PDBML (XML) file of the C-alpha atoms, coordinates in Angstrom:
<?xml version="1.0" encoding="UTF-8" ?>
<PDBx:datablock datablockName="MODEL"
   xmlns:PDBx="http://pdbml.pdb.org/schema/pdbx-v50.xsd"
   xmlns:xsi="http://www.w3.org/2001/XMLSchema-instance"
   xsi:schemaLocation="http://pdbml.pdb.org/schema/pdbx-v50.xsd pdbx-v50.xsd">
   <PDBx:atom_siteCategory>
      <PDBx:atom_site id="1">
         <PDBx:B_iso_or_equiv>0.00</PDBx:B_iso_or_equiv>
         <PDBx:Cartn_x>0.000</PDBx:Cartn_x>
         <PDBx:Cartn_y>0.000</PDBx:Cartn_y>
         <PDBx:Cartn_z>0.000</PDBx:Cartn_z>
         <PDBx:auth_asym_id>A</PDBx:auth_asym_id>
         <PDBx:auth_atom_id>CA</PDBx:auth_atom_id>
         <PDBx:auth_comp_id>ILE</PDBx:auth_comp_id>
         <PDBx:auth_seq_id>1</PDBx:auth_seq_id>
         <PDBx:group_PDB>ATOM</PDBx:group_PDB>
         <PDBx:label_alt_id xsi:nil="true" />
         <PDBx:label_asym_id>A</PDBx:label_asym_id>
         <PDBx:label_atom_id>CA</PDBx:label_atom_id>
         <PDBx:label_comp_id>ILE</PDBx:label_comp_id>
         <PDBx:label_entity_id>1</PDBx:label_entity_id>
         <PDBx:label_seq_id>1</PDBx:label_seq_id>
         <PDBx:occupancy>1.00</PDBx:occupancy>
         <PDBx:pdbx_PDB_model_num>1</PDBx:pdbx_PDB_model_num>
         <PDBx:type_symbol>C</PDBx:type_symbol>
      </PDBx:atom_site>
      <PDBx:atom_site id="2">
         <PDBx:B_iso_or_equiv>0.00</PDBx:B_iso_or_equiv>
         <PDBx:Cartn_x>2.832</PDBx:Cartn_x>
         <PDBx:Cartn_y>2.383</PDBx:Cartn_y>
         <PDBx:Cartn_z>0.891</PDBx:Cartn_z>
         <PDBx:auth_asym_id>A</PDBx:auth_asym_id>
         <PDBx:auth_atom_id>CA</PDBx:auth_atom_id>
         <PDBx:auth_comp_id>LEU</PDBx:auth_comp_id>
         <PDBx:auth_seq_id>2</PDBx:auth_seq_id>
         <PDBx:group_PDB>ATOM</PDBx:group_PDB>
         <PDBx:label_alt_id xsi:nil="true" />
         <PDBx:label_asym_id>A</PDBx:label_asym_id>
         <PDBx:label_atom_id>CA</PDBx:label_atom_id>
         <PDBx:label_comp_id>LEU</PDBx:label_comp_id>
         <PDBx:label_entity_id>1</PDBx:label_entity_id>
         <PDBx:label_seq_id>2</PDBx:label_seq_id>
         <PDBx:occupancy>1.00</PDBx:occupancy>
         <PDBx:pdbx_PDB_model_num>1</PDBx:pdbx_PDB_model_num>
         <PDBx:type_symbol>C</PDBx:type_symbol>
      </PDBx:atom_site>
      <PDBx:atom_site id="3">
         <PDBx:B_iso_or_equiv>0.00</PDBx:B_iso_or_equiv>
         <PDBx:Cartn_x>4.657</PDBx:Cartn_x>
         <PDBx:Cartn_y>1.542</PDBx:Cartn_y>
         <PDBx:Cartn_z>-2.348</PDBx:Cartn_z>
         <PDBx:auth_asym_id>A</PDBx:auth_asym_id>
         <PDBx:auth_atom_id>CA</PDBx:auth_atom_id>
         <PDBx:auth_comp_id>LEU</PDBx:auth_comp_id>
         <PDBx:auth_seq_id>3</PDBx:auth_seq_id>
         <PDBx:group_PDB>ATOM</PDBx:group_PDB>
         <PDBx:label_alt_id xsi:nil="true" />
         <PDBx:label_asym_id>A</PDBx:label_asym_id>
         <PDBx:label_atom_id>CA</PDBx:label_atom_id>
         <PDBx:label_comp_id>LEU</PDBx:label_comp_id>
         <PDBx:label_entity_id>1</PDBx:label_entity_id>
         <PDBx:label_seq_id>3</PDBx:label_seq_id>
         <PDBx:occupancy>1.00</PDBx:occupancy>
         <PDBx:pdbx_PDB_model_num>1</PDBx:pdbx_PDB_model_num>
         <PDBx:type_symbol>C</PDBx:type_symbol>
      </PDBx:atom_site>
      <PDBx:atom_site id="4">
         <PDBx:B_iso_or_equiv>0.00</PDBx:B_iso_or_equiv>
         <PDBx:Cartn_x>1.550</PDBx:Cartn_x>
         <PDBx:Cartn_y>2.436</PDBx:Cartn_y>
         <PDBx:Cartn_z>-4.351</PDBx:Cartn_z>
         <PDBx:auth_asym_id>A</PDBx:auth_asym_id>
         <PDBx:auth_atom_id>CA</PDBx:auth_atom_id>
         <PDBx:auth_comp_id>GLN</PDBx:auth_comp_id>
         <PDBx:auth_seq_id>4</PDBx:auth_seq_id>
         <PDBx:group_PDB>ATOM</PDBx:group_PDB>
         <PDBx:label_alt_id xsi:nil="true" />
         <PDBx:label_asym_id>A</PDBx:label_asym_id>
         <PDBx:label_atom_id>CA</PDBx:label_atom_id>
         <PDBx:label_comp_id>GLN</PDBx:label_comp_id>
         <PDBx:label_entity_id>1</PDBx:label_entity_id>
         <PDBx:label_seq_id>4</PDBx:label_seq_id>
         <PDBx:occupancy>1.00</PDBx:occupancy>
         <PDBx:pdbx_PDB_model_num>1</PDBx:pdbx_PDB_model_num>
         <PDBx:type_symbol>C</PDBx:type_symbol>
      </PDBx:atom_site>
      <PDBx:atom_site id="5">
         <PDBx:B_iso_or_equiv>0.00</PDBx:B_iso_or_equiv>
         <PDBx:Cartn_x>1.675</PDBx:Cartn_x>
         <PDBx:Cartn_y>5.942</PDBx:Cartn_y>
         <PDBx:Cartn_z>-2.849</PDBx:Cartn_z>
         <PDBx:auth_asym_id>A</PDBx:auth_asym_id>
         <PDBx:auth_atom_id>CA</PDBx:auth_atom_id>
         <PDBx:auth_comp_id>LYS</PDBx:auth_comp_id>
         <PDBx:auth_seq_id>5</PDBx:auth_seq_id>
         <PDBx:group_PDB>ATOM</PDBx:group_PDB>
         <PDBx:label_alt_id xsi:nil="true" />
         <PDBx:label_asym_id>A</PDBx:label_asym_id>
         <PDBx:label_atom_id>CA</PDBx:label_atom_id>
         <PDBx:label_comp_id>LYS</PDBx:label_comp_id>
         <PDBx:label_entity_id>1</PDBx:label_entity_id>
         <PDBx:label_seq_id>5</PDBx:label_seq_id>
         <PDBx:occupancy>1.00</PDBx:occupancy>
         <PDBx:pdbx_PDB_model_num>1</PDBx:pdbx_PDB_model_num>
         <PDBx:type_symbol>C</PDBx:type_symbol>
      </PDBx:atom_site>
      <PDBx:atom_site id="6">
         <PDBx:B_iso_or_equiv>0.00</PDBx:B_iso_or_equiv>
         <PDBx:Cartn_x>5.118</PDBx:Cartn_x>
         <PDBx:Cartn_y>6.570</PDBx:Cartn_y>
         <PDBx:Cartn_z>-4.369</PDBx:Cartn_z>
         <PDBx:auth_asym_id>A</PDBx:auth_asym_id>
         <PDBx:auth_atom_id>CA</PDBx:auth_atom_id>
         <PDBx:auth_comp_id>LEU</PDBx:auth_comp_id>
         <PDBx:auth_seq_id>6</PDBx:auth_seq_id>
         <PDBx:group_PDB>ATOM</PDBx:group_PDB>
         <PDBx:label_alt_id xsi:nil="true" />
         <PDBx:label_asym_id>A</PDBx:label_asym_id>
         <PDBx:label_atom_id>CA</PDBx:label_atom_id>
         <PDBx:label_comp_id>LEU</PDBx:label_comp_id>
         <PDBx:label_entity_id>1</PDBx:label_entity_id>
         <PDBx:label_seq_id>6</PDBx:label_seq_id>
         <PDBx:occupancy>1.00</PDBx:occupancy>
         <PDBx:pdbx_PDB_model_num>1</PDBx:pdbx_PDB_model_num>
         <PDBx:type_symbol>C</PDBx:type_symbol>
      </PDBx:atom_site>
      <PDBx:atom_site id="7">
         <PDBx:B_iso_or_equiv>0.00</PDBx:B_iso_or_equiv>
         <PDBx:Cartn_x>5.688</PDBx:Cartn_x>
         <PDBx:Cartn_y>8.133</PDBx:Cartn_y>
         <PDBx:Cartn_z>-7.768</PDBx:Cartn_z>
         <PDBx:auth_asym_id>A</PDBx:auth_asym_id>
         <PDBx:auth_atom_id>CA</PDBx:auth_atom_id>
         <PDBx:auth_comp_id>PRO</PDBx:auth_comp_id>
         <PDBx:auth_seq_id>7</PDBx:auth_seq_id>
         <PDBx:group_PDB>ATOM</PDBx:group_PDB>
         <PDBx:label_alt_id xsi:nil="true" />
         <PDBx:label_asym_id>A</PDBx:label_asym_id>
         <PDBx:label_atom_id>CA</PDBx:label_atom_id>
         <PDBx:label_comp_id>PRO</PDBx:label_comp_id>
         <PDBx:label_entity_id>1</PDBx:label_entity_id>
         <PDBx:label_seq_id>7</PDBx:label_seq_id>
         <PDBx:occupancy>1.00</PDBx:occupancy>
         <PDBx:pdbx_PDB_model_num>1</PDBx:pdbx_PDB_model_num>
         <PDBx:type_symbol>C</PDBx:type_symbol>
      </PDBx:atom_site>
      <PDBx:atom_site id="8">
         <PDBx:B_iso_or_equiv>0.00</PDBx:B_iso_or_equiv>
         <PDBx:Cartn_x>5.997</PDBx:Cartn_x>
         <PDBx:Cartn_y>5.429</PDBx:Cartn_y>
         <PDBx:Cartn_z>-10.433</PDBx:Cartn_z>
         <PDBx:auth_asym_id>A</PDBx:auth_asym_id>
         <PDBx:auth_atom_id>CA</PDBx:auth_atom_id>
         <PDBx:auth_comp_id>GLU</PDBx:auth_comp_id>
         <PDBx:auth_seq_id>8</PDBx:auth_seq_id>
         <PDBx:group_PDB>ATOM</PDBx:group_PDB>
         <PDBx:label_alt_id xsi:nil="true" />
         <PDBx:label_asym_id>A</PDBx:label_asym_id>
         <PDBx:label_atom_id>CA</PDBx:label_atom_id>
         <PDBx:label_comp_id>GLU</PDBx:label_comp_id>
         <PDBx:label_entity_id>1</PDBx:label_entity_id>
         <PDBx:label_seq_id>8</PDBx:label_seq_id>
         <PDBx:occupancy>1.00</PDBx:occupancy>
         <PDBx:pdbx_PDB_model_num>1</PDBx:pdbx_PDB_model_num>
         <PDBx:type_symbol>C</PDBx:type_symbol>
      </PDBx:atom_site>
      <PDBx:atom_site id="9">
         <PDBx:B_iso_or_equiv>0.00</PDBx:B_iso_or_equiv>
         <PDBx:Cartn_x>9.724</PDBx:Cartn_x>
         <PDBx:Cartn_y>5.974</PDBx:Cartn_y>
         <PDBx:Cartn_z>-11.119</PDBx:Cartn_z>
         <PDBx:auth_asym_id>A</PDBx:auth_asym_id>
         <PDBx:auth_atom_id>CA</PDBx:auth_atom_id>
         <PDBx:auth_comp_id>ALA</PDBx:auth_comp_id>
         <PDBx:auth_seq_id>9</PDBx:auth_seq_id>
         <PDBx:group_PDB>ATOM</PDBx:group_PDB>
         <PDBx:label_alt_id xsi:nil="true" />
         <PDBx:label_asym_id>A</PDBx:label_asym_id>
         <PDBx:label_atom_id>CA</PDBx:label_atom_id>
         <PDBx:label_comp_id>ALA</PDBx:label_comp_id>
         <PDBx:label_entity_id>1</PDBx:label_entity_id>
         <PDBx:label_seq_id>9</PDBx:label_seq_id>
         <PDBx:occupancy>1.00</PDBx:occupancy>
         <PDBx:pdbx_PDB_model_num>1</PDBx:pdbx_PDB_model_num>
         <PDBx:type_symbol>C</PDBx:type_symbol>
      </PDBx:atom_site>
      <PDBx:atom_site id="10">
         <PDBx:B_iso_or_equiv>0.00</PDBx:B_iso_or_equiv>
         <PDBx:Cartn_x>10.707</PDBx:Cartn_x>
         <PDBx:Cartn_y>5.585</PDBx:Cartn_y>
         <PDBx:Cartn_z>-7.459</PDBx:Cartn_z>
         <PDBx:auth_asym_id>A</PDBx:auth_asym_id>
         <PDBx:auth_atom_id>CA</PDBx:auth_atom_id>
         <PDBx:auth_comp_id>GLU</PDBx:auth_comp_id>
         <PDBx:auth_seq_id>10</PDBx:auth_seq_id>
         <PDBx:group_PDB>ATOM</PDBx:group_PDB>
         <PDBx:label_alt_id xsi:nil="true" />
         <PDBx:label_asym_id>A</PDBx:label_asym_id>
         <PDBx:label_atom_id>CA</PDBx:label_atom_id>
         <PDBx:label_comp_id>GLU</PDBx:label_comp_id>
         <PDBx:label_entity_id>1</PDBx:label_entity_id>
         <PDBx:label_seq_id>10</PDBx:label_seq_id>
         <PDBx:occupancy>1.00</PDBx:occupancy>
         <PDBx:pdbx_PDB_model_num>1</PDBx:pdbx_PDB_model_num>
         <PDBx:type_symbol>C</PDBx:type_symbol>
      </PDBx:atom_site>
      <PDBx:atom_site id="11">
         <PDBx:B_iso_or_equiv>0.00</PDBx:B_iso_or_equiv>
         <PDBx:Cartn_x>8.324</PDBx:Cartn_x>
         <PDBx:Cartn_y>2.670</PDBx:Cartn_y>
         <PDBx:Cartn_z>-6.885</PDBx:Cartn_z>
         <PDBx:auth_asym_id>A</PDBx:auth_asym_id>
         <PDBx:auth_atom_id>CA</PDBx:auth_atom_id>
         <PDBx:auth_comp_id>ARG</PDBx:auth_comp_id>
         <PDBx:auth_seq_id>11</PDBx:auth_seq_id>
         <PDBx:group_PDB>ATOM</PDBx:group_PDB>
         <PDBx:label_alt_id xsi:nil="true" />
         <PDBx:label_asym_id>A</PDBx:label_asym_id>
         <PDBx:label_atom_id>CA</PDBx:label_atom_id>
         <PDBx:label_comp_id>ARG</PDBx:label_comp_id>
         <PDBx:label_entity_id>1</PDBx:label_entity_id>
         <PDBx:label_seq_id>11</PDBx:label_seq_id>
         <PDBx:occupancy>1.00</PDBx:occupancy>
         <PDBx:pdbx_PDB_model_num>1</PDBx:pdbx_PDB_model_num>
         <PDBx:type_symbol>C</PDBx:type_symbol>
      </PDBx:atom_site>
      <PDBx:atom_site id="12">
         <PDBx:B_iso_or_equiv>0.00</PDBx:B_iso_or_equiv>
         <PDBx:Cartn_x>9.678</PDBx:Cartn_x>
         <PDBx:Cartn_y>0.750</PDBx:Cartn_y>
         <PDBx:Cartn_z>-9.890</PDBx:Cartn_z>
         <PDBx:auth_asym_id>A</PDBx:auth_asym_id>
         <PDBx:auth_atom_id>CA</PDBx:auth_atom_id>
         <PDBx:auth_comp_id>GLU</PDBx:auth_comp_id>
         <PDBx:auth_seq_id>12</PDBx:auth_seq_id>
         <PDBx:group_PDB>ATOM</PDBx:group_PDB>
         <PDBx:label_alt_id xsi:nil="true" />
         <PDBx:label_asym_id>A</PDBx:label_asym_id>
         <PDBx:label_atom_id>CA</PDBx:label_atom_id>
         <PDBx:label_comp_id>GLU</PDBx:label_comp_id>
         <PDBx:label_entity_id>1</PDBx:label_entity_id>
         <PDBx:label_seq_id>12</PDBx:label_seq_id>
         <PDBx:occupancy>1.00</PDBx:occupancy>
         <PDBx:pdbx_PDB_model_num>1</PDBx:pdbx_PDB_model_num>
         <PDBx:type_symbol>C</PDBx:type_symbol>
      </PDBx:atom_site>
      <PDBx:atom_site id="13">
         <PDBx:B_iso_or_equiv>0.00</PDBx:B_iso_or_equiv>
         <PDBx:Cartn_x>13.303</PDBx:Cartn_x>
         <PDBx:Cartn_y>1.143</PDBx:Cartn_y>
         <PDBx:Cartn_z>-8.788</PDBx:Cartn_z>
         <PDBx:auth_asym_id>A</PDBx:auth_asym_id>
         <PDBx:auth_atom_id>CA</PDBx:auth_atom_id>
         <PDBx:auth_comp_id>VAL</PDBx:auth_comp_id>
         <PDBx:auth_seq_id>13</PDBx:auth_seq_id>
         <PDBx:group_PDB>ATOM</PDBx:group_PDB>
         <PDBx:label_alt_id xsi:nil="true" />
         <PDBx:label_asym_id>A</PDBx:label_asym_id>
         <PDBx:label_atom_id>CA</PDBx:label_atom_id>
         <PDBx:label_comp_id>VAL</PDBx:label_comp_id>
         <PDBx:label_entity_id>1</PDBx:label_entity_id>
         <PDBx:label_seq_id>13</PDBx:label_seq_id>
         <PDBx:occupancy>1.00</PDBx:occupancy>
         <PDBx:pdbx_PDB_model_num>1</PDBx:pdbx_PDB_model_num>
         <PDBx:type_symbol>C</PDBx:type_symbol>
      </PDBx:atom_site>
      <PDBx:atom_site id="14">
         <PDBx:B_iso_or_equiv>0.00</PDBx:B_iso_or_equiv>
         <PDBx:Cartn_x>12.511</PDBx:Cartn_x>
         <PDBx:Cartn_y>0.008</PDBx:Cartn_y>
         <PDBx:Cartn_z>-5.222</PDBx:Cartn_z>
         <PDBx:auth_asym_id>A</PDBx:auth_asym_id>
         <PDBx:auth_atom_id>CA</PDBx:auth_atom_id>
         <PDBx:auth_comp_id>ILE</PDBx:auth_comp_id>
         <PDBx:auth_seq_id>14</PDBx:auth_seq_id>
         <PDBx:group_PDB>ATOM</PDBx:group_PDB>
         <PDBx:label_alt_id xsi:nil="true" />
         <PDBx:label_asym_id>A</PDBx:label_asym_id>
         <PDBx:label_atom_id>CA</PDBx:label_atom_id>
         <PDBx:label_comp_id>ILE</PDBx:label_comp_id>
         <PDBx:label_entity_id>1</PDBx:label_entity_id>
         <PDBx:label_seq_id>14</PDBx:label_seq_id>
         <PDBx:occupancy>1.00</PDBx:occupancy>
         <PDBx:pdbx_PDB_model_num>1</PDBx:pdbx_PDB_model_num>
         <PDBx:type_symbol>C</PDBx:type_symbol>
      </PDBx:atom_site>
      <PDBx:atom_site id="15">
         <PDBx:B_iso_or_equiv>0.00</PDBx:B_iso_or_equiv>
         <PDBx:Cartn_x>10.508</PDBx:Cartn_x>
         <PDBx:Cartn_y>-2.987</PDBx:Cartn_y>
         <PDBx:Cartn_z>-6.437</PDBx:Cartn_z>
         <PDBx:auth_asym_id>A</PDBx:auth_asym_id>
         <PDBx:auth_atom_id>CA</PDBx:auth_atom_id>
         <PDBx:auth_comp_id>GLU</PDBx:auth_comp_id>
         <PDBx:auth_seq_id>15</PDBx:auth_seq_id>
         <PDBx:group_PDB>ATOM</PDBx:group_PDB>
         <PDBx:label_alt_id xsi:nil="true" />
         <PDBx:label_asym_id>A</PDBx:label_asym_id>
         <PDBx:label_atom_id>CA</PDBx:label_atom_id>
         <PDBx:label_comp_id>GLU</PDBx:label_comp_id>
         <PDBx:label_entity_id>1</PDBx:label_entity_id>
         <PDBx:label_seq_id>15</PDBx:label_seq_id>
         <PDBx:occupancy>1.00</PDBx:occupancy>
         <PDBx:pdbx_PDB_model_num>1</PDBx:pdbx_PDB_model_num>
         <PDBx:type_symbol>C</PDBx:type_symbol>
      </PDBx:atom_site>
      <PDBx:atom_site id="16">
         <PDBx:B_iso_or_equiv>0.00</PDBx:B_iso_or_equiv>
         <PDBx:Cartn_x>13.176</PDBx:Cartn_x>
         <PDBx:Cartn_y>-4.023</PDBx:Cartn_y>
         <PDBx:Cartn_z>-8.942</PDBx:Cartn_z>
         <PDBx:auth_asym_id>A</PDBx:auth_asym_id>
         <PDBx:auth_atom_id>CA</PDBx:auth_atom_id>
         <PDBx:auth_comp_id>LEU</PDBx:auth_comp_id>
         <PDBx:auth_seq_id>16</PDBx:auth_seq_id>
         <PDBx:group_PDB>ATOM</PDBx:group_PDB>
         <PDBx:label_alt_id xsi:nil="true" />
         <PDBx:label_asym_id>A</PDBx:label_asym_id>
         <PDBx:label_atom_id>CA</PDBx:label_atom_id>
         <PDBx:label_comp_id>LEU</PDBx:label_comp_id>
         <PDBx:label_entity_id>1</PDBx:label_entity_id>
         <PDBx:label_seq_id>16</PDBx:label_seq_id>
         <PDBx:occupancy>1.00</PDBx:occupancy>
         <PDBx:pdbx_PDB_model_num>1</PDBx:pdbx_PDB_model_num>
         <PDBx:type_symbol>C</PDBx:type_symbol>
      </PDBx:atom_site>
      <PDBx:atom_site id="17">
         <PDBx:B_iso_or_equiv>0.00</PDBx:B_iso_or_equiv>
         <PDBx:Cartn_x>15.957</PDBx:Cartn_x>
         <PDBx:Cartn_y>-3.679</PDBx:Cartn_y>
         <PDBx:Cartn_z>-6.381</PDBx:Cartn_z>
         <PDBx:auth_asym_id>A</PDBx:auth_asym_id>
         <PDBx:auth_atom_id>CA</PDBx:auth_atom_id>
         <PDBx:auth_comp_id>HIS</PDBx:auth_comp_id>
         <PDBx:auth_seq_id>17</PDBx:auth_seq_id>
         <PDBx:group_PDB>ATOM</PDBx:group_PDB>
         <PDBx:label_alt_id xsi:nil="true" />
         <PDBx:label_asym_id>A</PDBx:label_asym_id>
         <PDBx:label_atom_id>CA</PDBx:label_atom_id>
         <PDBx:label_comp_id>HIS</PDBx:label_comp_id>
         <PDBx:label_entity_id>1</PDBx:label_entity_id>
         <PDBx:label_seq_id>17</PDBx:label_seq_id>
         <PDBx:occupancy>1.00</PDBx:occupancy>
         <PDBx:pdbx_PDB_model_num>1</PDBx:pdbx_PDB_model_num>
         <PDBx:type_symbol>C</PDBx:type_symbol>
      </PDBx:atom_site>
      <PDBx:atom_site id="18">
         <PDBx:B_iso_or_equiv>0.00</PDBx:B_iso_or_equiv>
         <PDBx:Cartn_x>14.319</PDBx:Cartn_x>
         <PDBx:Cartn_y>-4.951</PDBx:Cartn_y>
         <PDBx:Cartn_z>-3.190</PDBx:Cartn_z>
         <PDBx:auth_asym_id>A</PDBx:auth_asym_id>
         <PDBx:auth_atom_id>CA</PDBx:auth_atom_id>
         <PDBx:auth_comp_id>MET</PDBx:auth_comp_id>
         <PDBx:auth_seq_id>18</PDBx:auth_seq_id>
         <PDBx:group_PDB>ATOM</PDBx:group_PDB>
         <PDBx:label_alt_id xsi:nil="true" />
         <PDBx:label_asym_id>A</PDBx:label_asym_id>
         <PDBx:label_atom_id>CA</PDBx:label_atom_id>
         <PDBx:label_comp_id>MET</PDBx:label_comp_id>
         <PDBx:label_entity_id>1</PDBx:label_entity_id>
         <PDBx:label_seq_id>18</PDBx:label_seq_id>
         <PDBx:occupancy>1.00</PDBx:occupancy>
         <PDBx:pdbx_PDB_model_num>1</PDBx:pdbx_PDB_model_num>
         <PDBx:type_symbol>C</PDBx:type_symbol>
      </PDBx:atom_site>
      <PDBx:atom_site id="19">
         <PDBx:B_iso_or_equiv>0.00</PDBx:B_iso_or_equiv>
         <PDBx:Cartn_x>11.853</PDBx:Cartn_x>
         <PDBx:Cartn_y>-7.514</PDBx:Cartn_y>
         <PDBx:Cartn_z>-4.516</PDBx:Cartn_z>
         <PDBx:auth_asym_id>A</PDBx:auth_asym_id>
         <PDBx:auth_atom_id>CA</PDBx:auth_atom_id>
         <PDBx:auth_comp_id>ILE</PDBx:auth_comp_id>
         <PDBx:auth_seq_id>19</PDBx:auth_seq_id>
         <PDBx:group_PDB>ATOM</PDBx:group_PDB>
         <PDBx:label_alt_id xsi:nil="true" />
         <PDBx:label_asym_id>A</PDBx:label_asym_id>
         <PDBx:label_atom_id>CA</PDBx:label_atom_id>
         <PDBx:label_comp_id>ILE</PDBx:label_comp_id>
         <PDBx:label_entity_id>1</PDBx:label_entity_id>
         <PDBx:label_seq_id>19</PDBx:label_seq_id>
         <PDBx:occupancy>1.00</PDBx:occupancy>
         <PDBx:pdbx_PDB_model_num>1</PDBx:pdbx_PDB_model_num>
         <PDBx:type_symbol>C</PDBx:type_symbol>
      </PDBx:atom_site>
      <PDBx:atom_site id="20">
         <PDBx:B_iso_or_equiv>0.00</PDBx:B_iso_or_equiv>
         <PDBx:Cartn_x>13.417</PDBx:Cartn_x>
         <PDBx:Cartn_y>-8.781</PDBx:Cartn_y>
         <PDBx:Cartn_z>-7.734</PDBx:Cartn_z>
         <PDBx:auth_asym_id>A</PDBx:auth_asym_id>
         <PDBx:auth_atom_id>CA</PDBx:auth_atom_id>
         <PDBx:auth_comp_id>ARG</PDBx:auth_comp_id>
         <PDBx:auth_seq_id>20</PDBx:auth_seq_id>
         <PDBx:group_PDB>ATOM</PDBx:group_PDB>
         <PDBx:label_alt_id xsi:nil="true" />
         <PDBx:label_asym_id>A</PDBx:label_asym_id>
         <PDBx:label_atom_id>CA</PDBx:label_atom_id>
         <PDBx:label_comp_id>ARG</PDBx:label_comp_id>
         <PDBx:label_entity_id>1</PDBx:label_entity_id>
         <PDBx:label_seq_id>20</PDBx:label_seq_id>
         <PDBx:occupancy>1.00</PDBx:occupancy>
         <PDBx:pdbx_PDB_model_num>1</PDBx:pdbx_PDB_model_num>
         <PDBx:type_symbol>C</PDBx:type_symbol>
      </PDBx:atom_site>
      <PDBx:atom_site id="21">
         <PDBx:B_iso_or_equiv>0.00</PDBx:B_iso_or_equiv>
         <PDBx:Cartn_x>16.957</PDBx:Cartn_x>
         <PDBx:Cartn_y>-8.410</PDBx:Cartn_y>
         <PDBx:Cartn_z>-6.383</PDBx:Cartn_z>
         <PDBx:auth_asym_id>A</PDBx:auth_asym_id>
         <PDBx:auth_atom_id>CA</PDBx:auth_atom_id>
         <PDBx:auth_comp_id>GLY</PDBx:auth_comp_id>
         <PDBx:auth_seq_id>21</PDBx:auth_seq_id>
         <PDBx:group_PDB>ATOM</PDBx:group_PDB>
         <PDBx:label_alt_id xsi:nil="true" />
         <PDBx:label_asym_id>A</PDBx:label_asym_id>
         <PDBx:label_atom_id>CA</PDBx:label_atom_id>
         <PDBx:label_comp_id>GLY</PDBx:label_comp_id>
         <PDBx:label_entity_id>1</PDBx:label_entity_id>
         <PDBx:label_seq_id>21</PDBx:label_seq_id>
         <PDBx:occupancy>1.00</PDBx:occupancy>
         <PDBx:pdbx_PDB_model_num>1</PDBx:pdbx_PDB_model_num>
         <PDBx:type_symbol>C</PDBx:type_symbol>
      </PDBx:atom_site>
      <PDBx:atom_site id="22">
         <PDBx:B_iso_or_equiv>0.00</PDBx:B_iso_or_equiv>
         <PDBx:Cartn_x>18.276</PDBx:Cartn_x>
         <PDBx:Cartn_y>-6.476</PDBx:Cartn_y>
         <PDBx:Cartn_z>-9.366</PDBx:Cartn_z>
         <PDBx:auth_asym_id>A</PDBx:auth_asym_id>
         <PDBx:auth_atom_id>CA</PDBx:auth_atom_id>
         <PDBx:auth_comp_id>MET</PDBx:auth_comp_id>
         <PDBx:auth_seq_id>22</PDBx:auth_seq_id>
         <PDBx:group_PDB>ATOM</PDBx:group_PDB>
         <PDBx:label_alt_id xsi:nil="true" />
         <PDBx:label_asym_id>A</PDBx:label_asym_id>
         <PDBx:label_atom_id>CA</PDBx:label_atom_id>
         <PDBx:label_comp_id>MET</PDBx:label_comp_id>
         <PDBx:label_entity_id>1</PDBx:label_entity_id>
         <PDBx:label_seq_id>22</PDBx:label_seq_id>
         <PDBx:occupancy>1.00</PDBx:occupancy>
         <PDBx:pdbx_PDB_model_num>1</PDBx:pdbx_PDB_model_num>
         <PDBx:type_symbol>C</PDBx:type_symbol>
      </PDBx:atom_site>
      <PDBx:atom_site id="23">
         <PDBx:B_iso_or_equiv>0.00</PDBx:B_iso_or_equiv>
         <PDBx:Cartn_x>21.418</PDBx:Cartn_x>
         <PDBx:Cartn_y>-4.386</PDBx:Cartn_y>
         <PDBx:Cartn_z>-8.971</PDBx:Cartn_z>
         <PDBx:auth_asym_id>A</PDBx:auth_asym_id>
         <PDBx:auth_atom_id>CA</PDBx:auth_atom_id>
         <PDBx:auth_comp_id>SER</PDBx:auth_comp_id>
         <PDBx:auth_seq_id>23</PDBx:auth_seq_id>
         <PDBx:group_PDB>ATOM</PDBx:group_PDB>
         <PDBx:label_alt_id xsi:nil="true" />
         <PDBx:label_asym_id>A</PDBx:label_asym_id>
         <PDBx:label_atom_id>CA</PDBx:label_atom_id>
         <PDBx:label_comp_id>SER</PDBx:label_comp_id>
         <PDBx:label_entity_id>1</PDBx:label_entity_id>
         <PDBx:label_seq_id>23</PDBx:label_seq_id>
         <PDBx:occupancy>1.00</PDBx:occupancy>
         <PDBx:pdbx_PDB_model_num>1</PDBx:pdbx_PDB_model_num>
         <PDBx:type_symbol>C</PDBx:type_symbol>
      </PDBx:atom_site>
      <PDBx:atom_site id="24">
         <PDBx:B_iso_or_equiv>0.00</PDBx:B_iso_or_equiv>
         <PDBx:Cartn_x>21.306</PDBx:Cartn_x>
         <PDBx:Cartn_y>-0.673</PDBx:Cartn_y>
         <PDBx:Cartn_z>-9.679</PDBx:Cartn_z>
         <PDBx:auth_asym_id>A</PDBx:auth_asym_id>
         <PDBx:auth_atom_id>CA</PDBx:auth_atom_id>
         <PDBx:auth_comp_id>PHE</PDBx:auth_comp_id>
         <PDBx:auth_seq_id>24</PDBx:auth_seq_id>
         <PDBx:group_PDB>ATOM</PDBx:group_PDB>
         <PDBx:label_alt_id xsi:nil="true" />
         <PDBx:label_asym_id>A</PDBx:label_asym_id>
         <PDBx:label_atom_id>CA</PDBx:label_atom_id>
         <PDBx:label_comp_id>PHE</PDBx:label_comp_id>
         <PDBx:label_entity_id>1</PDBx:label_entity_id>
         <PDBx:label_seq_id>24</PDBx:label_seq_id>
         <PDBx:occupancy>1.00</PDBx:occupancy>
         <PDBx:pdbx_PDB_model_num>1</PDBx:pdbx_PDB_model_num>
         <PDBx:type_symbol>C</PDBx:type_symbol>
      </PDBx:atom_site>
   </PDBx:atom_siteCategory>
</PDBx:datablock>
């Protein structure tokens, strides 16, 4: 729910890094 409140660009980077484990 908190992630959905973020702007799309920030949310995508956090999801890719924290959930999918992708490097920057």
